[in-house]
Every structure is written in C-alpha cells, then in structure tokens.
Amino acid sequence: MARGPLVILGGTFDPPHVGHLVLGECARWQFGAVRVLFIPAGDPYRKSGTPTPENARAGGPAGRRTVTPGATRMEMVRLAVAGNPAFAADGREVARPGPSYTVETLEELRAEGWEELVLVLGSDAAADLPNWREPGRIRALARVAVAEKGGAPPPPGFERVEMPRLEVSSTLIRERVRAGKPVRYLVPEAVAAFIAERGLYRGED
C-alpha cells in the first residue's frame, strides 16, 4: 500500500494561480500529507455545461463558457507546481474521455494503493457536491476538507482547511488578462509567461 495521506486538489485550473498553491501547501501541512496531487478536470461538465444526467437533474449550470483545452490547462498546472517537490500534476482526468467524475479518480487512487485520501474542495464546490456523481461514495472514499471561497463558509458537516484568505480566482485572472492588466504575482511567473506566449484569455466574450 502507498504511504499517505494524499491530498487531492481537483478543478478546472483555468488558469492555476497562487491561491491554488497556498491551498495545497496549507492542506499538506494540516493533514500531514506526503504528496499533493493537482488534477485538472478533462471535461469539467459542471462548468462547461456538457450534457449529463446529473446536469439535467440539477437544471444545468447557470451559464456555459468555453473552457481552455485540457492539455493546455495541464501544462499550466505542471509549470505552477514545478517548484515544490511535494506537489505533482496528475493528468489522468485530462486523458480520460468524456466528463470528469471525481468518484472515478478516487476509485483509481484507491486501486493504486493510497489508503488515506483527503479531497480538498472550495466551499462553492462542497455546496454543489450533492449534485455530483455518487456523492456518498466520494465521502466514503475520501476525507473531504473545504476551503472558504468567495467569502462563503464551508457547508455544515465538513472539515475546514485553515489558510489565509486570498482574494484571487481564475475568473479574476482571465478578466485581468482580457483587460490588458498585469497578473504578475497572482500566478507563478512561468504560468504568466505561458499565458502571454499562447495569447490565452484575450479573446473571451
């Protein structure tokens, strides 16, 4: 069996920013983790609006937006985590066809021998967890810890990740890039350079 605990940070990472890295490090320390996996969603159906039975039951997301291709987001995550030996970028959901389901990823990690999984969610994602595929199974497979996001406290029944409050989000980064404003120090330097070189987020509606 693999040593643990293993902290898992999933999400769109469009783009990854310093808040993700601070969250990963705080969770690593708080839960005594040997590794933190940053796992970009291949098809984040809860954000992109991909038709699924879960989306239909929940009425679908409020809006549809184009998500940057998974391979591009994966490369940004690799660049973002490169400076921390306890961090790793994991591309399994990008490689997996179809919508990304957290329960499948947790099942795979368990099959790989990880006995103790800590799934870290933002408070918004935790509130949406009942609409995910097999939410009960997710909570059986992993300890779920929640970080405050957008001023929303964790829902009842979840552990809280203790971290400084940072007013930074991927939405903010995209908006600043689109407006021609600097994002230096809001994202790792390598990610900022990648965004500039690829011309990402400049043409968003």
Protein backbone atom coordinates (compact mmCIF):
# COMPACT_ATOMS: atom_id res chain seq x y z
CA MET A 1 0.00 0.00 0.00
CA ALA A 2 1.14 3.57 -0.72
CA ARG A 3 2.02 5.84 2.15
CA GLY A 4 -0.41 8.59 2.97
CA PRO A 5 -2.24 10.79 3.45
CA LEU A 6 -2.59 12.01 -0.13
CA VAL A 7 -4.18 15.43 -0.67
CA ILE A 8 -6.14 15.85 -3.90
CA LEU A 9 -6.91 19.23 -5.43
CA GLY A 10 -9.10 18.93 -8.48
CA GLY A 11 -10.62 21.69 -10.55
CA THR A 12 -10.56 23.47 -13.84
CA PHE A 13 -7.31 25.38 -13.17
CA ASP A 14 -8.13 27.84 -15.94
CA PRO A 15 -5.55 29.13 -15.05
CA PRO A 16 -3.85 27.87 -11.87
CA HIS A 17 -2.92 30.74 -9.54
CA VAL A 18 -1.13 31.44 -6.26
CA GLY A 19 -4.30 30.72 -4.27
CA HIS A 20 -4.24 27.11 -5.50
CA LEU A 21 -0.61 26.75 -4.40
CA VAL A 22 -1.22 28.28 -0.97
CA LEU A 23 -4.22 25.99 -0.51
CA GLY A 24 -2.19 22.95 -1.48
CA GLU A 25 0.61 23.78 0.93
CA CYS A 26 -1.74 24.58 3.81
CA ALA A 27 -3.64 21.33 3.27
CA ARG A 28 -0.38 19.37 3.01
CA TRP A 29 0.77 20.73 6.37
CA GLN A 30 -2.62 20.47 8.10
CA PHE A 31 -3.23 16.83 7.15
CA GLY A 32 0.38 15.65 7.24
CA ALA A 33 0.29 14.62 3.59
CA VAL A 34 3.24 13.12 1.78
CA ARG A 35 2.01 14.35 -1.59
CA VAL A 36 -0.44 16.86 -3.06
CA LEU A 37 -1.93 15.97 -6.44
CA PHE A 38 -3.26 18.78 -8.61
CA ILE A 39 -5.68 17.13 -11.03
CA PRO A 40 -7.14 19.30 -13.81
CA ALA A 41 -10.58 18.17 -14.95
CA GLY A 42 -10.62 16.96 -18.52
CA ASP A 43 -14.23 17.95 -19.23
CA PRO A 44 -15.48 19.91 -16.19
CA TYR A 45 -19.14 19.38 -17.05
CA ARG A 46 -20.41 21.36 -14.03
CA LYS A 47 -18.78 24.45 -15.58
CA SER A 48 -18.77 23.84 -19.30
CA GLY A 49 -22.39 22.71 -19.49
CA THR A 50 -21.68 19.34 -21.06
CA PRO A 51 -24.99 17.41 -21.09
CA THR A 52 -25.02 14.69 -18.40
CA PRO A 53 -27.82 13.09 -16.35
CA GLU A 54 -26.55 14.93 -13.26
CA ASN A 55 -26.62 18.26 -15.08
CA ALA A 56 -30.14 17.66 -16.31
CA ARG A 57 -31.43 16.84 -12.82
CA ALA A 58 -29.75 19.92 -11.38
CA GLY A 59 -31.07 22.15 -14.15
CA GLY A 60 -27.59 22.61 -15.63
CA PRO A 61 -25.12 25.37 -14.82
CA ALA A 62 -26.31 28.97 -14.88
CA GLY A 63 -24.20 29.69 -17.92
CA ARG A 64 -21.98 27.95 -20.42
CA ARG A 65 -18.45 29.09 -21.08
CA THR A 66 -15.64 27.78 -23.19
CA VAL A 67 -13.04 26.06 -21.06
CA THR A 68 -9.42 26.11 -22.21
CA PRO A 69 -8.41 22.70 -23.66
CA GLY A 70 -7.33 20.18 -21.08
CA ALA A 71 -3.81 19.71 -22.43
CA THR A 72 -3.19 23.45 -22.17
CA ARG A 73 -4.51 23.63 -18.60
CA MET A 74 -2.44 20.57 -17.71
CA GLU A 75 0.72 22.25 -18.96
CA MET A 76 -0.03 25.34 -16.86
CA VAL A 77 -0.51 23.13 -13.78
CA ARG A 78 2.83 21.44 -14.44
CA LEU A 79 4.51 24.83 -14.61
CA ALA A 80 2.71 26.05 -11.48
CA VAL A 81 3.71 23.14 -9.21
CA ALA A 82 7.25 22.63 -10.51
CA GLY A 83 8.90 24.42 -7.58
CA ASN A 84 7.54 22.21 -4.80
CA PRO A 85 8.77 18.58 -4.55
CA ALA A 86 5.65 17.61 -2.56
CA PHE A 87 3.38 18.81 -5.39
CA ALA A 88 2.59 16.83 -8.54
CA ALA A 89 0.46 17.49 -11.61
CA ASP A 90 -1.72 14.50 -12.48
CA GLY A 91 -3.22 14.30 -15.97
CA ARG A 92 -5.50 11.28 -15.57
CA GLU A 93 -8.74 13.25 -15.96
CA VAL A 94 -7.43 15.12 -19.00
CA ALA A 95 -6.53 11.78 -20.60
CA ARG A 96 -9.87 10.18 -19.68
CA PRO A 97 -12.57 10.59 -22.39
CA GLY A 98 -15.91 12.16 -21.51
CA PRO A 99 -16.93 14.18 -18.46
CA SER A 100 -14.64 14.20 -15.41
CA TYR A 101 -16.09 12.41 -12.41
CA THR A 102 -14.28 12.74 -9.09
CA VAL A 103 -15.58 9.39 -7.86
CA GLU A 104 -13.75 7.60 -10.69
CA THR A 105 -10.48 9.35 -9.82
CA LEU A 106 -10.81 8.43 -6.15
CA GLU A 107 -11.53 4.80 -7.08
CA GLU A 108 -8.39 4.75 -9.23
CA LEU A 109 -6.22 6.22 -6.48
CA ARG A 110 -7.53 3.66 -4.01
CA ALA A 111 -6.75 0.89 -6.51
CA GLU A 112 -3.21 2.28 -6.78
CA GLY A 113 -2.77 1.65 -3.07
CA TRP A 114 -3.45 5.02 -1.44
CA GLU A 115 -5.22 4.18 1.80
CA GLU A 116 -5.92 7.71 3.06
CA LEU A 117 -7.24 10.31 0.63
CA VAL A 118 -8.03 13.92 1.51
CA LEU A 119 -10.17 15.62 -1.12
CA VAL A 120 -9.97 19.40 -0.88
CA LEU A 121 -12.88 21.42 -2.25
CA GLY A 122 -13.77 25.09 -2.34
CA SER A 123 -16.89 26.00 -0.37
CA ASP A 124 -18.80 26.50 -3.62
CA ALA A 125 -17.89 23.01 -4.86
CA ALA A 126 -18.74 21.49 -1.47
CA ALA A 127 -22.20 23.08 -1.59
CA ASP A 128 -22.67 21.54 -5.06
CA LEU A 129 -21.40 18.10 -4.01
CA PRO A 130 -24.91 16.55 -3.71
CA ASN A 131 -25.29 17.09 -7.48
CA TRP A 132 -22.09 15.22 -8.33
CA ARG A 133 -21.98 11.59 -9.38
CA GLU A 134 -22.18 9.29 -6.32
CA PRO A 135 -21.58 11.92 -3.62
CA GLY A 136 -21.99 9.33 -0.88
CA ARG A 137 -19.32 7.15 -2.44
CA ILE A 138 -16.99 10.16 -2.69
CA ARG A 139 -17.32 10.75 1.05
CA ALA A 140 -16.73 7.06 1.73
CA LEU A 141 -13.56 7.02 -0.34
CA ALA A 142 -12.03 10.28 0.90
CA ARG A 143 -11.93 12.65 3.80
CA VAL A 144 -13.44 15.85 2.40
CA ALA A 145 -11.94 19.15 3.55
CA VAL A 146 -13.27 22.54 2.47
CA ALA A 147 -11.56 25.88 1.89
CA GLU A 148 -13.53 29.11 2.08
CA LYS A 149 -14.08 30.61 -1.36
CA GLY A 150 -15.66 33.91 -2.27
CA GLY A 151 -16.49 34.62 1.35
CA ALA A 152 -18.78 31.58 1.56
CA PRO A 153 -18.09 29.44 4.65
CA PRO A 154 -17.85 25.64 4.35
CA PRO A 155 -21.23 23.89 4.50
CA PRO A 156 -22.06 22.09 7.77
CA GLY A 157 -20.50 18.67 8.22
CA PHE A 158 -17.18 19.36 6.52
CA GLU A 159 -13.70 19.96 7.88
CA ARG A 160 -12.19 23.36 7.17
CA VAL A 161 -8.79 23.91 5.58
CA GLU A 162 -7.02 26.60 7.56
CA MET A 163 -5.40 29.08 5.20
CA PRO A 164 -5.01 32.83 4.71
CA ARG A 165 -7.84 34.43 2.80
CA LEU A 166 -6.66 35.45 -0.66
CA GLU A 167 -8.91 37.43 -2.97
CA VAL A 168 -7.71 35.77 -6.16
CA SER A 169 -9.54 33.48 -8.57
CA SER A 170 -9.16 32.08 -12.05
CA THR A 171 -12.05 34.29 -13.16
CA LEU A 172 -10.18 37.36 -11.90
CA ILE A 173 -7.02 36.30 -13.77
CA ARG A 174 -8.91 35.83 -17.03
CA GLU A 175 -10.65 39.18 -16.64
CA ARG A 176 -7.36 40.97 -15.97
CA VAL A 177 -5.67 39.38 -18.97
CA ARG A 178 -8.61 40.29 -21.19
CA ALA A 179 -8.42 43.89 -19.94
CA GLY A 180 -4.67 44.07 -20.50
CA LYS A 181 -3.92 44.34 -16.77
CA PRO A 182 -0.91 42.66 -15.14
CA VAL A 183 -1.22 39.27 -13.46
CA ARG A 184 2.34 39.06 -12.19
CA TYR A 185 2.45 37.67 -8.63
CA LEU A 186 -1.16 36.49 -8.97
CA VAL A 187 0.06 33.45 -10.91
CA PRO A 188 3.50 31.81 -10.90
CA GLU A 189 5.92 33.54 -13.26
CA ALA A 190 6.13 30.51 -15.54
CA VAL A 191 2.33 30.47 -15.86
CA ALA A 192 2.22 34.21 -16.60
CA ALA A 193 4.81 33.71 -19.34
CA PHE A 194 2.85 30.77 -20.78
CA ILE A 195 -0.39 32.77 -20.86
CA ALA A 196 1.37 35.62 -22.67
CA GLU A 197 3.14 33.36 -25.14
CA ARG A 198 -0.05 31.47 -26.03
CA GLY A 199 -2.25 34.55 -26.07
CA LEU A 200 -4.70 32.92 -23.68
CA TYR A 201 -7.85 34.66 -22.42
CA ARG A 202 -7.51 37.72 -24.64
CA GLY A 203 -10.50 36.98 -26.80
CA GLU A 204 -13.03 35.83 -24.20
CA ASP A 205 -16.55 37.13 -24.52
